[in-house]
């Protein structure tokens, strides 16, 4: 992987086409899931064969997961990696179905008691998540619980495009994507106002920001990996409750799990760096537990352990 070493995940690019997504969604709507698979699996195979960076990153992740957690019967090989790609394609369909309110509700099991208590009290918060499973199914929580609104912070320039796609699928949606390359004062004030209104801010804890963001290296699947600290700095500044959220495959459907991990995050002035490293370590351990139960559900198809921020500000 030396050729890709030092490359930031955003440099690898996004190949997902909104038009292609809508076309495949139409195939599923009119013909069903197997015709969808017939159409999408050749695309999956093509990307697996031609995208060496993603293929090698997938295999590295699966092998390290097995070595650290022993989740497979034998050491993962190319079949496991191809299945990883196929799982992403299947999940992409589920994301669109979720946004269009067409994913079967009976196939979603929610563990949300702590989140419901916060919503009922009118208390907003920060939700730290990762690129695992079908997070768009949290829309089901928004649909069923009055007053739940979510702003998801993303680090890609595709946020506006997918916001338009979301609005097309769900004009009354309560989930908004907000592109942030860095968290400046104006953005922080806006987010603070939303939390004060009882809304929630979701931020991924497993991708180093494009620029202006720091990270720390903590153990993940037996090897040091860079994890961003922005979620913990934001939660500390907002002085609000902090949750984790995961939505991973379980049987024929998904499990959605919300867990309240802190009433607030405090970063002591004299030991701020140590406190941030501790928070990132806890998150990495939480992420290990999620992927151990659903090994094909983690969708970071880039050299995760070797990534660096654009401004090279990792510690």
C-alpha atoms as a PDB file:
ATOM      1  CA  UNK A   1       0.000   0.000   0.000  1.00  0.00           C
ATOM      2  CA  UNK A   2       3.032   2.251  -0.198  1.00  0.00           C
ATOM      3  CA  UNK A   3       1.693   4.030  -3.247  1.00  0.00           C
ATOM      4  CA  UNK A   4      -1.321   5.184  -1.341  1.00  0.00           C
ATOM      5  CA  UNK A   5       0.527   5.904   1.880  1.00  0.00           C
ATOM      6  CA  UNK A   6      -0.012   9.436   3.135  1.00  0.00           C
ATOM      7  CA  UNK A   7      -3.068   9.927   0.953  1.00  0.00           C
ATOM      8  CA  UNK A   8      -6.116  11.556   2.486  1.00  0.00           C
ATOM      9  CA  UNK A   9      -9.435   9.747   2.080  1.00  0.00           C
ATOM     10  CA  UNK A  10     -10.965  12.734   0.234  1.00  0.00           C
ATOM     11  CA  UNK A  11      -8.255  12.571  -2.456  1.00  0.00           C
ATOM     12  CA  UNK A  12      -9.498   9.141  -3.499  1.00  0.00           C
ATOM     13  CA  UNK A  13     -12.778  10.655  -4.633  1.00  0.00           C
ATOM     14  CA  UNK A  14     -16.448   9.749  -4.591  1.00  0.00           C
ATOM     15  CA  UNK A  15     -17.675   7.700  -7.545  1.00  0.00           C
ATOM     16  CA  UNK A  16     -21.304   7.492  -6.478  1.00  0.00           C
ATOM     17  CA  UNK A  17     -23.708   9.039  -8.988  1.00  0.00           C
ATOM     18  CA  UNK A  18     -27.022  10.431  -7.789  1.00  0.00           C
ATOM     19  CA  UNK A  19     -28.600   9.603 -11.163  1.00  0.00           C
ATOM     20  CA  UNK A  20     -27.258   6.071 -10.951  1.00  0.00           C
ATOM     21  CA  UNK A  21     -28.629   5.705  -7.442  1.00  0.00           C
ATOM     22  CA  UNK A  22     -32.078   6.805  -8.543  1.00  0.00           C
ATOM     23  CA  UNK A  23     -31.966   4.430 -11.538  1.00  0.00           C
ATOM     24  CA  UNK A  24     -31.075   1.453  -9.351  1.00  0.00           C
ATOM     25  CA  UNK A  25     -33.698   2.486  -6.836  1.00  0.00           C
ATOM     26  CA  UNK A  26     -36.241   2.438  -9.665  1.00  0.00           C
ATOM     27  CA  UNK A  27     -35.129  -1.064 -10.645  1.00  0.00           C
ATOM     28  CA  UNK A  28     -35.792  -2.224  -7.100  1.00  0.00           C
ATOM     29  CA  UNK A  29     -39.115  -0.421  -6.888  1.00  0.00           C
ATOM     30  CA  UNK A  30     -40.553  -1.917 -10.048  1.00  0.00           C
ATOM     31  CA  UNK A  31     -38.807  -5.283 -10.268  1.00  0.00           C
ATOM     32  CA  UNK A  32     -37.570  -6.163  -6.791  1.00  0.00           C
ATOM     33  CA  UNK A  33     -34.299  -6.851  -5.033  1.00  0.00           C
ATOM     34  CA  UNK A  34     -32.969  -9.686  -7.174  1.00  0.00           C
ATOM     35  CA  UNK A  35     -33.200  -7.658 -10.434  1.00  0.00           C
ATOM     36  CA  UNK A  36     -31.452  -4.859  -8.510  1.00  0.00           C
ATOM     37  CA  UNK A  37     -28.668  -7.292  -7.629  1.00  0.00           C
ATOM     38  CA  UNK A  38     -28.400  -8.497 -11.226  1.00  0.00           C
ATOM     39  CA  UNK A  39     -27.881  -4.880 -12.298  1.00  0.00           C
ATOM     40  CA  UNK A  40     -25.564  -3.779  -9.517  1.00  0.00           C
ATOM     41  CA  UNK A  41     -23.289  -6.783  -8.996  1.00  0.00           C
ATOM     42  CA  UNK A  42     -21.434  -6.361 -12.323  1.00  0.00           C
ATOM     43  CA  UNK A  43     -20.790  -2.755 -11.252  1.00  0.00           C
ATOM     44  CA  UNK A  44     -19.511  -3.988  -7.900  1.00  0.00           C
ATOM     45  CA  UNK A  45     -17.206  -6.486  -9.606  1.00  0.00           C
ATOM     46  CA  UNK A  46     -15.913  -3.802 -11.985  1.00  0.00           C
ATOM     47  CA  UNK A  47     -15.071  -1.433  -9.129  1.00  0.00           C
ATOM     48  CA  UNK A  48     -13.489  -4.243  -7.134  1.00  0.00           C
ATOM     49  CA  UNK A  49     -11.272  -5.198 -10.068  1.00  0.00           C
ATOM     50  CA  UNK A  50     -10.272  -1.683 -11.123  1.00  0.00           C
ATOM     51  CA  UNK A  51      -9.984   0.155  -7.796  1.00  0.00           C
ATOM     52  CA  UNK A  52      -6.818  -1.305  -6.326  1.00  0.00           C
ATOM     53  CA  UNK A  53      -6.689   1.205  -3.473  1.00  0.00           C
ATOM     54  CA  UNK A  54     -10.162   0.321  -2.249  1.00  0.00           C
ATOM     55  CA  UNK A  55      -9.611  -3.405  -2.767  1.00  0.00           C
ATOM     56  CA  UNK A  56      -6.344  -3.448  -0.797  1.00  0.00           C
ATOM     57  CA  UNK A  57      -7.821  -1.253   1.947  1.00  0.00           C
ATOM     58  CA  UNK A  58     -10.790  -3.597   2.284  1.00  0.00           C
ATOM     59  CA  UNK A  59      -8.548  -6.625   2.602  1.00  0.00           C
ATOM     60  CA  UNK A  60      -6.254  -4.891   5.096  1.00  0.00           C
ATOM     61  CA  UNK A  61      -9.222  -3.980   7.284  1.00  0.00           C
ATOM     62  CA  UNK A  62     -10.728  -7.476   7.147  1.00  0.00           C
ATOM     63  CA  UNK A  63      -7.420  -9.157   7.890  1.00  0.00           C
ATOM     64  CA  UNK A  64      -6.684  -6.885  10.836  1.00  0.00           C
ATOM     65  CA  UNK A  65     -10.185  -7.400  12.172  1.00  0.00           C
ATOM     66  CA  UNK A  66      -9.708 -11.160  11.991  1.00  0.00           C
ATOM     67  CA  UNK A  67      -6.234 -11.055  13.543  1.00  0.00           C
ATOM     68  CA  UNK A  68      -7.439  -8.882  16.426  1.00  0.00           C
ATOM     69  CA  UNK A  69     -10.916 -10.280  16.998  1.00  0.00           C
ATOM     70  CA  UNK A  70     -10.997 -13.659  15.202  1.00  0.00           C
ATOM     71  CA  UNK A  71     -14.362 -13.012  13.552  1.00  0.00           C
ATOM     72  CA  UNK A  72     -13.859 -15.309  10.528  1.00  0.00           C
ATOM     73  CA  UNK A  73     -13.236 -19.041  10.368  1.00  0.00           C
ATOM     74  CA  UNK A  74     -10.076 -18.475   8.317  1.00  0.00           C
ATOM     75  CA  UNK A  75      -7.906 -15.543   7.286  1.00  0.00           C
ATOM     76  CA  UNK A  76      -9.904 -13.280   4.913  1.00  0.00           C
ATOM     77  CA  UNK A  77      -9.055 -13.381   1.213  1.00  0.00           C
ATOM     78  CA  UNK A  78     -10.380 -11.948  -2.026  1.00  0.00           C
ATOM     79  CA  UNK A  79     -13.839 -13.526  -1.564  1.00  0.00           C
ATOM     80  CA  UNK A  80     -14.281 -11.681   1.731  1.00  0.00           C
ATOM     81  CA  UNK A  81     -13.213  -8.409   0.143  1.00  0.00           C
ATOM     82  CA  UNK A  82     -15.623  -8.851  -2.760  1.00  0.00           C
ATOM     83  CA  UNK A  83     -18.395  -9.581  -0.273  1.00  0.00           C
ATOM     84  CA  UNK A  84     -17.430  -6.375   1.553  1.00  0.00           C
ATOM     85  CA  UNK A  85     -17.971  -4.395  -1.667  1.00  0.00           C
ATOM     86  CA  UNK A  86     -21.271  -6.193  -2.318  1.00  0.00           C
ATOM     87  CA  UNK A  87     -22.486  -5.382   1.185  1.00  0.00           C
ATOM     88  CA  UNK A  88     -21.811  -1.718   0.514  1.00  0.00           C
ATOM     89  CA  UNK A  89     -23.899  -1.852  -2.668  1.00  0.00           C
ATOM     90  CA  UNK A  90     -26.787  -3.568  -0.862  1.00  0.00           C
ATOM     91  CA  UNK A  91     -26.578  -1.035   1.948  1.00  0.00           C
ATOM     92  CA  UNK A  92     -26.611   1.826  -0.525  1.00  0.00           C
ATOM     93  CA  UNK A  93     -29.995   0.624  -1.734  1.00  0.00           C
ATOM     94  CA  UNK A  94     -31.235   0.406   1.856  1.00  0.00           C
ATOM     95  CA  UNK A  95     -30.075   3.981   2.454  1.00  0.00           C
ATOM     96  CA  UNK A  96     -32.217   5.209  -0.430  1.00  0.00           C
ATOM     97  CA  UNK A  97     -35.182   3.113   0.680  1.00  0.00           C
ATOM     98  CA  UNK A  98     -34.812   4.525   4.188  1.00  0.00           C
ATOM     99  CA  UNK A  99     -34.760   8.108   2.924  1.00  0.00           C
ATOM    100  CA  UNK A 100     -37.817   7.404   0.782  1.00  0.00           C
ATOM    101  CA  UNK A 101     -39.698   5.806   3.720  1.00  0.00           C
ATOM    102  CA  UNK A 102     -39.836   2.477   1.891  1.00  0.00           C
ATOM    103  CA  UNK A 103     -37.577   0.313   4.028  1.00  0.00           C
ATOM    104  CA  UNK A 104     -39.756  -2.214   5.941  1.00  0.00           C
ATOM    105  CA  UNK A 105     -40.174  -0.934   9.501  1.00  0.00           C
ATOM    106  CA  UNK A 106     -40.558  -4.485  10.845  1.00  0.00           C
ATOM    107  CA  UNK A 107     -36.975  -5.223   9.778  1.00  0.00           C
ATOM    108  CA  UNK A 108     -35.536  -2.481  11.985  1.00  0.00           C
ATOM    109  CA  UNK A 109     -34.955  -3.075  15.682  1.00  0.00           C
ATOM    110  CA  UNK A 110     -34.303   0.024  17.726  1.00  0.00           C
ATOM    111  CA  UNK A 111     -32.495   0.356  21.029  1.00  0.00           C
ATOM    112  CA  UNK A 112     -33.301   3.996  21.660  1.00  0.00           C
ATOM    113  CA  UNK A 113     -34.543   4.394  25.229  1.00  0.00           C
ATOM    114  CA  UNK A 114     -31.773   6.797  26.243  1.00  0.00           C
ATOM    115  CA  UNK A 115     -32.319   8.903  23.139  1.00  0.00           C
ATOM    116  CA  UNK A 116     -36.085   9.027  23.682  1.00  0.00           C
ATOM    117  CA  UNK A 117     -35.540  10.251  27.234  1.00  0.00           C
ATOM    118  CA  UNK A 118     -33.363  13.105  25.965  1.00  0.00           C
ATOM    119  CA  UNK A 119     -35.884  14.046  23.275  1.00  0.00           C
ATOM    120  CA  UNK A 120     -38.759  13.999  25.761  1.00  0.00           C
ATOM    121  CA  UNK A 121     -36.855  16.367  28.050  1.00  0.00           C
ATOM    122  CA  UNK A 122     -36.254  18.808  25.203  1.00  0.00           C
ATOM    123  CA  UNK A 123     -32.520  18.293  25.565  1.00  0.00           C
ATOM    124  CA  UNK A 124     -30.361  18.325  22.446  1.00  0.00           C
ATOM    125  CA  UNK A 125     -26.983  16.685  22.080  1.00  0.00           C
ATOM    126  CA  UNK A 126     -24.122  15.441  19.961  1.00  0.00           C
ATOM    127  CA  UNK A 127     -24.237  12.000  18.328  1.00  0.00           C
ATOM    128  CA  UNK A 128     -20.886  10.477  17.394  1.00  0.00           C
ATOM    129  CA  UNK A 129     -21.092   7.795  14.764  1.00  0.00           C
ATOM    130  CA  UNK A 130     -19.004   6.139  12.048  1.00  0.00           C
ATOM    131  CA  UNK A 131     -19.248   5.014   8.456  1.00  0.00           C
ATOM    132  CA  UNK A 132     -20.934   1.760   9.371  1.00  0.00           C
ATOM    133  CA  UNK A 133     -24.140   0.207   8.134  1.00  0.00           C
ATOM    134  CA  UNK A 134     -27.226   2.144   7.140  1.00  0.00           C
ATOM    135  CA  UNK A 135     -27.236   5.258   9.302  1.00  0.00           C
ATOM    136  CA  UNK A 136     -30.017   6.757   7.190  1.00  0.00           C
ATOM    137  CA  UNK A 137     -32.431   4.485   9.014  1.00  0.00           C
ATOM    138  CA  UNK A 138     -32.217   6.905  11.924  1.00  0.00           C
ATOM    139  CA  UNK A 139     -34.766   8.759   9.790  1.00  0.00           C
ATOM    140  CA  UNK A 140     -37.172   6.162  11.170  1.00  0.00           C
ATOM    141  CA  UNK A 141     -36.614   7.665  14.608  1.00  0.00           C
ATOM    142  CA  UNK A 142     -37.349  11.127  13.233  1.00  0.00           C
ATOM    143  CA  UNK A 143     -40.558   9.859  11.652  1.00  0.00           C
ATOM    144  CA  UNK A 144     -41.842   8.180  14.798  1.00  0.00           C
ATOM    145  CA  UNK A 145     -40.779  10.737  17.417  1.00  0.00           C
ATOM    146  CA  UNK A 146     -42.144  14.292  17.195  1.00  0.00           C
ATOM    147  CA  UNK A 147     -39.517  16.938  17.798  1.00  0.00           C
ATOM    148  CA  UNK A 148     -36.501  14.921  16.689  1.00  0.00           C
ATOM    149  CA  UNK A 149     -34.343  16.865  14.239  1.00  0.00           C
ATOM    150  CA  UNK A 150     -30.833  15.979  13.182  1.00  0.00           C
ATOM    151  CA  UNK A 151     -28.034  17.886  11.475  1.00  0.00           C
ATOM    152  CA  UNK A 152     -25.324  15.593  10.135  1.00  0.00           C
ATOM    153  CA  UNK A 153     -21.928  17.216   9.679  1.00  0.00           C
ATOM    154  CA  UNK A 154     -20.026  15.931   6.638  1.00  0.00           C
ATOM    155  CA  UNK A 155     -16.594  16.742   5.250  1.00  0.00           C
ATOM    156  CA  UNK A 156     -17.292  16.303   1.544  1.00  0.00           C
ATOM    157  CA  UNK A 157     -18.266  18.694  -1.208  1.00  0.00           C
ATOM    158  CA  UNK A 158     -21.100  16.316  -2.157  1.00  0.00           C
ATOM    159  CA  UNK A 159     -23.338  17.410   0.734  1.00  0.00           C
ATOM    160  CA  UNK A 160     -25.402  19.831  -1.342  1.00  0.00           C
ATOM    161  CA  UNK A 161     -25.915  17.259  -4.092  1.00  0.00           C
ATOM    162  CA  UNK A 162     -27.120  14.635  -1.654  1.00  0.00           C
ATOM    163  CA  UNK A 163     -29.243  17.142   0.234  1.00  0.00           C
ATOM    164  CA  UNK A 164     -31.089  17.683  -3.041  1.00  0.00           C
ATOM    165  CA  UNK A 165     -31.400  13.928  -3.439  1.00  0.00           C
ATOM    166  CA  UNK A 166     -32.721  13.620   0.111  1.00  0.00           C
ATOM    167  CA  UNK A 167     -35.264  16.393  -0.450  1.00  0.00           C
ATOM    168  CA  UNK A 168     -36.405  14.704  -3.649  1.00  0.00           C
ATOM    169  CA  UNK A 169     -36.957  11.439  -1.809  1.00  0.00           C
ATOM    170  CA  UNK A 170     -38.317  13.007   1.374  1.00  0.00           C
ATOM    171  CA  UNK A 171     -39.482  16.642   1.052  1.00  0.00           C
ATOM    172  CA  UNK A 172     -40.488  16.769   4.730  1.00  0.00           C
ATOM    173  CA  UNK A 173     -37.290  15.140   6.005  1.00  0.00           C
ATOM    174  CA  UNK A 174     -35.954  16.020   9.426  1.00  0.00           C
ATOM    175  CA  UNK A 175     -32.340  15.145   8.654  1.00  0.00           C
ATOM    176  CA  UNK A 176     -30.047  17.751   7.083  1.00  0.00           C
ATOM    177  CA  UNK A 177     -26.502  17.320   5.786  1.00  0.00           C
ATOM    178  CA  UNK A 178     -24.221  20.254   6.543  1.00  0.00           C
ATOM    179  CA  UNK A 179     -20.876  20.486   4.791  1.00  0.00           C
ATOM    180  CA  UNK A 180     -18.092  21.646   7.096  1.00  0.00           C
ATOM    181  CA  UNK A 181     -14.439  21.803   6.113  1.00  0.00           C
ATOM    182  CA  UNK A 182     -13.669  23.260   9.533  1.00  0.00           C
ATOM    183  CA  UNK A 183     -15.698  24.307  12.562  1.00  0.00           C
ATOM    184  CA  UNK A 184     -15.335  28.082  12.635  1.00  0.00           C
ATOM    185  CA  UNK A 185     -16.983  30.426  15.178  1.00  0.00           C
ATOM    186  CA  UNK A 186     -20.038  31.089  12.998  1.00  0.00           C
ATOM    187  CA  UNK A 187     -20.696  27.378  12.498  1.00  0.00           C
ATOM    188  CA  UNK A 188     -20.202  26.707  16.207  1.00  0.00           C
ATOM    189  CA  UNK A 189     -22.735  29.394  17.134  1.00  0.00           C
ATOM    190  CA  UNK A 190     -25.284  27.978  14.675  1.00  0.00           C
ATOM    191  CA  UNK A 191     -24.842  24.462  16.033  1.00  0.00           C
ATOM    192  CA  UNK A 192     -25.125  25.716  19.610  1.00  0.00           C
ATOM    193  CA  UNK A 193     -28.440  27.353  18.744  1.00  0.00           C
ATOM    194  CA  UNK A 194     -29.749  24.104  17.278  1.00  0.00           C
ATOM    195  CA  UNK A 195     -28.746  22.066  20.325  1.00  0.00           C
ATOM    196  CA  UNK A 196     -30.330  24.694  22.578  1.00  0.00           C
ATOM    197  CA  UNK A 197     -33.588  24.133  20.659  1.00  0.00           C
ATOM    198  CA  UNK A 198     -33.401  20.436  21.488  1.00  0.00           C
ATOM    199  CA  UNK A 199     -31.952  19.309  18.158  1.00  0.00           C
ATOM    200  CA  UNK A 200     -29.096  16.854  17.629  1.00  0.00           C
ATOM    201  CA  UNK A 201     -25.794  17.148  15.814  1.00  0.00           C
ATOM    202  CA  UNK A 202     -24.307  14.006  14.274  1.00  0.00           C
ATOM    203  CA  UNK A 203     -20.613  13.812  13.453  1.00  0.00           C
ATOM    204  CA  UNK A 204     -18.463  10.922  12.315  1.00  0.00           C
ATOM    205  CA  UNK A 205     -15.599   9.971  14.570  1.00  0.00           C
ATOM    206  CA  UNK A 206     -13.697   7.851  12.059  1.00  0.00           C
ATOM    207  CA  UNK A 207     -12.494  10.218   9.339  1.00  0.00           C
ATOM    208  CA  UNK A 208      -9.753  12.833   9.586  1.00  0.00           C
ATOM    209  CA  UNK A 209     -11.082  16.259   8.443  1.00  0.00           C
ATOM    210  CA  UNK A 210     -10.035  17.773   5.140  1.00  0.00           C
ATOM    211  CA  UNK A 211      -8.142  20.630   6.778  1.00  0.00           C
ATOM    212  CA  UNK A 212      -7.929  22.579   9.984  1.00  0.00           C
ATOM    213  CA  UNK A 213      -8.707  19.495  12.046  1.00  0.00           C
ATOM    214  CA  UNK A 214      -6.427  17.675  14.450  1.00  0.00           C
ATOM    215  CA  UNK A 215      -6.305  13.985  15.121  1.00  0.00           C
ATOM    216  CA  UNK A 216      -4.687  11.588  17.548  1.00  0.00           C
ATOM    217  CA  UNK A 217      -3.327   8.121  16.912  1.00  0.00           C
ATOM    218  CA  UNK A 218      -4.904   5.461  19.099  1.00  0.00           C
ATOM    219  CA  UNK A 219      -5.039   1.642  18.881  1.00  0.00           C
ATOM    220  CA  UNK A 220      -7.622   0.247  16.486  1.00  0.00           C
ATOM    221  CA  UNK A 221      -7.699  -3.449  15.599  1.00  0.00           C
ATOM    222  CA  UNK A 222      -4.219  -3.862  16.982  1.00  0.00           C
ATOM    223  CA  UNK A 223      -2.539  -0.983  15.111  1.00  0.00           C
ATOM    224  CA  UNK A 224      -2.281   2.785  15.740  1.00  0.00           C
ATOM    225  CA  UNK A 225      -4.723   4.732  13.582  1.00  0.00           C
ATOM    226  CA  UNK A 226      -5.579   8.440  13.286  1.00  0.00           C
ATOM    227  CA  UNK A 227      -8.932   9.462  14.745  1.00  0.00           C
ATOM    228  CA  UNK A 228     -10.255  13.033  14.605  1.00  0.00           C
ATOM    229  CA  UNK A 229     -10.835  14.978  17.812  1.00  0.00           C
ATOM    230  CA  UNK A 230     -13.392  17.423  16.405  1.00  0.00           C
ATOM    231  CA  UNK A 231     -16.414  15.582  17.817  1.00  0.00           C
ATOM    232  CA  UNK A 232     -15.091  15.821  21.381  1.00  0.00           C
ATOM    233  CA  UNK A 233     -14.040  19.457  21.046  1.00  0.00           C
ATOM    234  CA  UNK A 234     -17.505  20.296  19.682  1.00  0.00           C
ATOM    235  CA  UNK A 235     -19.311  18.356  22.406  1.00  0.00           C
ATOM    236  CA  UNK A 236     -17.179  20.029  25.067  1.00  0.00           C
ATOM    237  CA  UNK A 237     -17.913  23.489  23.661  1.00  0.00           C
ATOM    238  CA  UNK A 238     -21.661  22.795  23.507  1.00  0.00           C
ATOM    239  CA  UNK A 239     -21.679  21.319  27.050  1.00  0.00           C
ATOM    240  CA  UNK A 240     -24.401  18.866  26.069  1.00  0.00           C
ATOM    241  CA  UNK A 241     -25.042  15.119  26.340  1.00  0.00           C
ATOM    242  CA  UNK A 242     -23.092  12.838  24.011  1.00  0.00           C
ATOM    243  CA  UNK A 243     -24.396   9.679  22.349  1.00  0.00           C
ATOM    244  CA  UNK A 244     -23.025   7.033  20.023  1.00  0.00           C
ATOM    245  CA  UNK A 245     -25.134   5.652  17.189  1.00  0.00           C
ATOM    246  CA  UNK A 246     -24.712   2.514  15.121  1.00  0.00           C
ATOM    247  CA  UNK A 247     -26.974   0.852  12.571  1.00  0.00           C
ATOM    248  CA  UNK A 248     -25.643  -2.500  11.435  1.00  0.00           C
ATOM    249  CA  UNK A 249     -26.971  -5.612   9.715  1.00  0.00           C
ATOM    250  CA  UNK A 250     -28.719  -8.147  11.912  1.00  0.00           C
ATOM    251  CA  UNK A 251     -30.363 -11.092  10.183  1.00  0.00           C
ATOM    252  CA  UNK A 252     -32.582  -9.827   7.376  1.00  0.00           C
ATOM    253  CA  UNK A 253     -32.685  -6.305   8.762  1.00  0.00           C
ATOM    254  CA  UNK A 254     -30.820  -3.863  10.967  1.00  0.00           C
ATOM    255  CA  UNK A 255     -30.227  -3.033  14.602  1.00  0.00           C
ATOM    256  CA  UNK A 256     -30.101   0.654  15.527  1.00  0.00           C
ATOM    257  CA  UNK A 257     -28.370   1.336  18.813  1.00  0.00           C
ATOM    258  CA  UNK A 258     -28.141   4.661  20.609  1.00  0.00           C
ATOM    259  CA  UNK A 259     -26.018   4.821  23.739  1.00  0.00           C
ATOM    260  CA  UNK A 260     -25.551   7.800  26.026  1.00  0.00           C
ATOM    261  CA  UNK A 261     -21.825   7.868  26.803  1.00  0.00           C
ATOM    262  CA  UNK A 262     -21.528  11.171  28.669  1.00  0.00           C
ATOM    263  CA  UNK A 263     -23.702  13.877  30.164  1.00  0.00           C
ATOM    264  CA  UNK A 264     -21.019  16.217  28.857  1.00  0.00           C
ATOM    265  CA  UNK A 265     -17.374  16.038  27.845  1.00  0.00           C
ATOM    266  CA  UNK A 266     -14.920  18.042  29.913  1.00  0.00           C
ATOM    267  CA  UNK A 267     -11.450  18.807  28.565  1.00  0.00           C
ATOM    268  CA  UNK A 268      -9.300  20.031  31.473  1.00  0.00           C
ATOM    269  CA  UNK A 269      -6.997  22.894  30.520  1.00  0.00           C
ATOM    270  CA  UNK A 270      -3.891  21.243  31.921  1.00  0.00           C
ATOM    271  CA  UNK A 271      -4.478  17.807  30.426  1.00  0.00           C
ATOM    272  CA  UNK A 272      -6.530  18.576  27.327  1.00  0.00           C
ATOM    273  CA  UNK A 273      -4.494  16.427  24.942  1.00  0.00           C
ATOM    274  CA  UNK A 274      -4.630  13.431  27.260  1.00  0.00           C
ATOM    275  CA  UNK A 275      -8.398  13.838  27.661  1.00  0.00           C
ATOM    276  CA  UNK A 276      -8.868  13.999  23.879  1.00  0.00           C
ATOM    277  CA  UNK A 277      -6.760  10.880  23.393  1.00  0.00           C
ATOM    278  CA  UNK A 278      -8.842   9.115  26.032  1.00  0.00           C
ATOM    279  CA  UNK A 279     -12.085  10.033  24.257  1.00  0.00           C
ATOM    280  CA  UNK A 280     -10.702   8.865  20.885  1.00  0.00           C
ATOM    281  CA  UNK A 281      -9.539   5.603  22.463  1.00  0.00           C
ATOM    282  CA  UNK A 282     -13.012   4.962  23.893  1.00  0.00           C
ATOM    283  CA  UNK A 283     -14.528   5.618  20.493  1.00  0.00           C
ATOM    284  CA  UNK A 284     -12.059   3.262  18.767  1.00  0.00           C
ATOM    285  CA  UNK A 285     -12.961   0.541  21.261  1.00  0.00           C
ATOM    286  CA  UNK A 286     -16.660   1.164  20.625  1.00  0.00           C
ATOM    287  CA  UNK A 287     -16.044   0.960  16.869  1.00  0.00           C
ATOM    288  CA  UNK A 288     -14.171  -2.325  17.283  1.00  0.00           C
ATOM    289  CA  UNK A 289     -17.184  -3.773  19.067  1.00  0.00           C
ATOM    290  CA  UNK A 290     -19.523  -2.675  16.241  1.00  0.00           C
ATOM    291  CA  UNK A 291     -17.452  -4.096  13.381  1.00  0.00           C
ATOM    292  CA  UNK A 292     -16.801  -7.324  15.267  1.00  0.00           C
ATOM    293  CA  UNK A 293     -20.537  -8.003  15.206  1.00  0.00           C
ATOM    294  CA  UNK A 294     -21.003  -6.829  11.608  1.00  0.00           C
ATOM    295  CA  UNK A 295     -17.615  -7.140   9.869  1.00  0.00           C
ATOM    296  CA  UNK A 296     -18.797  -6.195   6.384  1.00  0.00           C
ATOM    297  CA  UNK A 297     -20.585  -3.045   7.539  1.00  0.00           C
ATOM    298  CA  UNK A 298     -17.621  -0.653   7.828  1.00  0.00           C
ATOM    299  CA  UNK A 299     -17.366   1.418   4.651  1.00  0.00           C
ATOM    300  CA  UNK A 300     -14.000   3.194   4.655  1.00  0.00           C
ATOM    301  CA  UNK A 301     -12.467   1.956   1.414  1.00  0.00           C
ATOM    302  CA  UNK A 302      -9.152   3.759   1.740  1.00  0.00           C
ATOM    303  CA  UNK A 303      -5.884   3.115   3.638  1.00  0.00           C
ATOM    304  CA  UNK A 304      -7.369   3.951   7.010  1.00  0.00           C
ATOM    305  CA  UNK A 305      -4.277   3.444   9.148  1.00  0.00           C
ATOM    306  CA  UNK A 306      -2.104   5.528   6.806  1.00  0.00           C
ATOM    307  CA  UNK A 307      -4.363   8.520   6.242  1.00  0.00           C
ATOM    308  CA  UNK A 308      -3.208  12.051   7.046  1.00  0.00           C
ATOM    309  CA  UNK A 309      -5.070  15.389   7.040  1.00  0.00           C
ATOM    310  CA  UNK A 310      -4.456  17.844   4.210  1.00  0.00           C
ATOM    311  CA  UNK A 311      -2.677  20.214   6.570  1.00  0.00           C
ATOM    312  CA  UNK A 312      -0.572  17.388   8.048  1.00  0.00           C
ATOM    313  CA  UNK A 313      -1.580  18.394  11.572  1.00  0.00           C
ATOM    314  CA  UNK A 314      -1.824  14.922  13.027  1.00  0.00           C
ATOM    315  CA  UNK A 315      -0.199  14.279  16.332  1.00  0.00           C
END
